[in-house]
C-alpha atoms as a PDB file:
ATOM      1  CA  MET A   1      40.228   5.534 -50.797  1.00  0.00           C
ATOM      2  CA  VAL A   2      42.582   8.033 -49.195  1.00  0.00           C
ATOM      3  CA  ALA A   3      44.966   5.331 -48.007  1.00  0.00           C
ATOM      4  CA  SER A   4      45.232   3.768 -51.451  1.00  0.00           C
ATOM      5  CA  THR A   5      45.695   7.198 -53.026  1.00  0.00           C
ATOM      6  CA  VAL A   6      48.519   8.084 -50.656  1.00  0.00           C
ATOM      7  CA  ARG A   7      50.301   4.779 -51.333  1.00  0.00           C
ATOM      8  CA  THR A   8      50.158   5.113 -55.097  1.00  0.00           C
ATOM      9  CA  ARG A   9      52.129   7.636 -57.093  1.00  0.00           C
ATOM     10  CA  TRP A  10      49.788   7.853 -60.073  1.00  0.00           C
ATOM     11  CA  ALA A  11      49.546  11.101 -61.924  1.00  0.00           C
ATOM     12  CA  ALA A  12      46.093  12.506 -62.487  1.00  0.00           C
ATOM     13  CA  THR A  13      45.260  14.713 -65.431  1.00  0.00           C
ATOM     14  CA  VAL A  14      42.638  17.366 -64.834  1.00  0.00           C
ATOM     15  CA  ALA A  15      41.017  18.953 -67.883  1.00  0.00           C
ATOM     16  CA  ALA A  16      40.388  22.635 -67.304  1.00  0.00           C
ATOM     17  CA  ALA A  17      38.592  25.307 -69.288  1.00  0.00           C
ATOM     18  CA  LEU A  18      39.895  26.428 -72.668  1.00  0.00           C
ATOM     19  CA  LEU A  19      41.275  22.979 -73.554  1.00  0.00           C
ATOM     20  CA  ARG A  20      44.037  23.062 -70.956  1.00  0.00           C
ATOM     21  CA  GLU A  21      45.184  20.015 -69.063  1.00  0.00           C
ATOM     22  CA  HIS A  22      47.009  20.003 -65.745  1.00  0.00           C
ATOM     23  CA  GLY A  23      48.889  17.038 -64.375  1.00  0.00           C
ATOM     24  CA  ALA A  24      49.401  16.464 -60.649  1.00  0.00           C
ATOM     25  CA  PRO A  25      49.823  13.553 -58.266  1.00  0.00           C
ATOM     26  CA  GLN A  26      46.509  11.908 -57.485  1.00  0.00           C
ATOM     27  CA  VAL A  27      46.807  12.648 -53.761  1.00  0.00           C
ATOM     28  CA  LEU A  28      46.969  16.387 -54.475  1.00  0.00           C
ATOM     29  CA  VAL A  29      43.930  16.191 -56.734  1.00  0.00           C
ATOM     30  CA  LEU A  30      41.997  14.322 -54.030  1.00  0.00           C
ATOM     31  CA  LEU A  31      43.044  16.869 -51.403  1.00  0.00           C
ATOM     32  CA  ALA A  32      42.050  19.778 -53.657  1.00  0.00           C
ATOM     33  CA  VAL A  33      38.618  18.262 -54.328  1.00  0.00           C
ATOM     34  CA  PHE A  34      38.077  17.677 -50.604  1.00  0.00           C
ATOM     35  CA  VAL A  35      39.026  21.266 -49.732  1.00  0.00           C
ATOM     36  CA  LEU A  36      36.860  22.613 -52.556  1.00  0.00           C
ATOM     37  CA  GLY A  37      33.870  20.629 -51.253  1.00  0.00           C
ATOM     38  CA  LEU A  38      34.487  21.840 -47.715  1.00  0.00           C
ATOM     39  CA  VAL A  39      34.698  25.488 -48.780  1.00  0.00           C
ATOM     40  CA  LEU A  40      31.632  25.183 -51.004  1.00  0.00           C
ATOM     41  CA  GLY A  41      29.629  23.563 -48.187  1.00  0.00           C
ATOM     42  CA  VAL A  42      30.531  26.305 -45.726  1.00  0.00           C
ATOM     43  CA  LEU A  43      29.738  29.056 -48.235  1.00  0.00           C
ATOM     44  CA  LEU A  44      26.335  27.534 -48.955  1.00  0.00           C
ATOM     45  CA  MET A  45      25.518  27.264 -45.233  1.00  0.00           C
ATOM     46  CA  VAL A  46      26.521  30.829 -44.284  1.00  0.00           C
ATOM     47  CA  PRO A  47      23.223  32.489 -45.323  1.00  0.00           C
ATOM     48  CA  LYS A  48      21.245  30.001 -43.222  1.00  0.00           C
ATOM     49  CA  TRP A  49      23.534  30.555 -40.214  1.00  0.00           C
ATOM     50  CA  TRP A  50      23.194  34.329 -40.532  1.00  0.00           C
ATOM     51  CA  ARG A  51      19.406  34.085 -40.802  1.00  0.00           C
ATOM     52  CA  GLU A  52      19.190  31.872 -37.704  1.00  0.00           C
ATOM     53  CA  HIS A  53      21.608  34.137 -35.822  1.00  0.00           C
ATOM     54  CA  ARG A  54      19.441  37.181 -36.597  1.00  0.00           C
ATOM     55  CA  GLN A  55      16.288  35.340 -35.475  1.00  0.00           C
ATOM     56  CA  VAL A  56      17.885  34.348 -32.168  1.00  0.00           C
ATOM     57  CA  ARG A  57      19.169  37.870 -31.599  1.00  0.00           C
ATOM     58  CA  ARG A  58      15.711  39.337 -32.354  1.00  0.00           C
ATOM     59  CA  SER A  59      13.980  36.878 -30.038  1.00  0.00           C
ATOM     60  CA  ARG A  60      16.294  37.910 -27.203  1.00  0.00           C
ATOM     61  CA  THR A  61      15.583  41.615 -27.678  1.00  0.00           C
ATOM     62  CA  HIS A  62      11.834  41.234 -28.417  1.00  0.00           C
ATOM     63  CA  PRO A  63      10.351  38.430 -26.284  1.00  0.00           C
ATOM     64  CA  SER A  64       7.348  36.671 -27.761  1.00  0.00           C
ATOM     65  CA  PRO A  65       3.911  36.907 -26.082  1.00  0.00           C
ATOM     66  CA  PRO A  66       2.995  34.158 -23.614  1.00  0.00           C
ATOM     67  CA  ASN A  67       1.441  30.991 -24.993  1.00  0.00           C
ATOM     68  CA  GLU A  68      -2.304  30.428 -25.000  1.00  0.00           C
ATOM     69  CA  ALA A  69      -4.096  28.897 -22.031  1.00  0.00           C
ATOM     70  CA  PRO A  70      -4.027  25.096 -21.897  1.00  0.00           C
ATOM     71  CA  ASN A  71      -6.811  23.240 -23.640  1.00  0.00           C
ATOM     72  CA  PRO A  72      -9.484  22.329 -21.025  1.00  0.00           C
ATOM     73  CA  LYS A  73     -10.742  19.456 -23.224  1.00  0.00           C
ATOM     74  CA  LEU A  74      -7.494  17.541 -22.730  1.00  0.00           C
ATOM     75  CA  ASN A  75      -7.889  14.815 -20.125  1.00  0.00           C
ATOM     76  CA  GLU A  76      -5.276  15.072 -17.366  1.00  0.00           C
ATOM     77  CA  ALA A  77      -5.241  11.283 -16.910  1.00  0.00           C
ATOM     78  CA  ASP A  78      -4.204  10.836 -20.536  1.00  0.00           C
ATOM     79  CA  PRO A  79      -1.116  13.051 -21.005  1.00  0.00           C
ATOM     80  CA  HIS A  80      -0.620  12.074 -24.646  1.00  0.00           C
ATOM     81  CA  GLY A  81      -4.156  12.881 -25.745  1.00  0.00           C
ATOM     82  CA  VAL A  82      -4.729   9.449 -27.223  1.00  0.00           C
END
């Protein structure tokens, strides 16, 4: 899609708010949509990254208690418990 867009010189008309229309080469419209999607994706992921970063930082400063003792009912010969 990008290769065919670069080769062609078609003008694209983008309808904006308040009944305005903007004309631009199709390759610029495609590039703008790609950049807009990239920025929107990063902005939507930032809260999750911050939350995970805080959890990792907290786990380093406050270590969790040791795990429970192993289950004695689990057969050692059958490591998968099947």
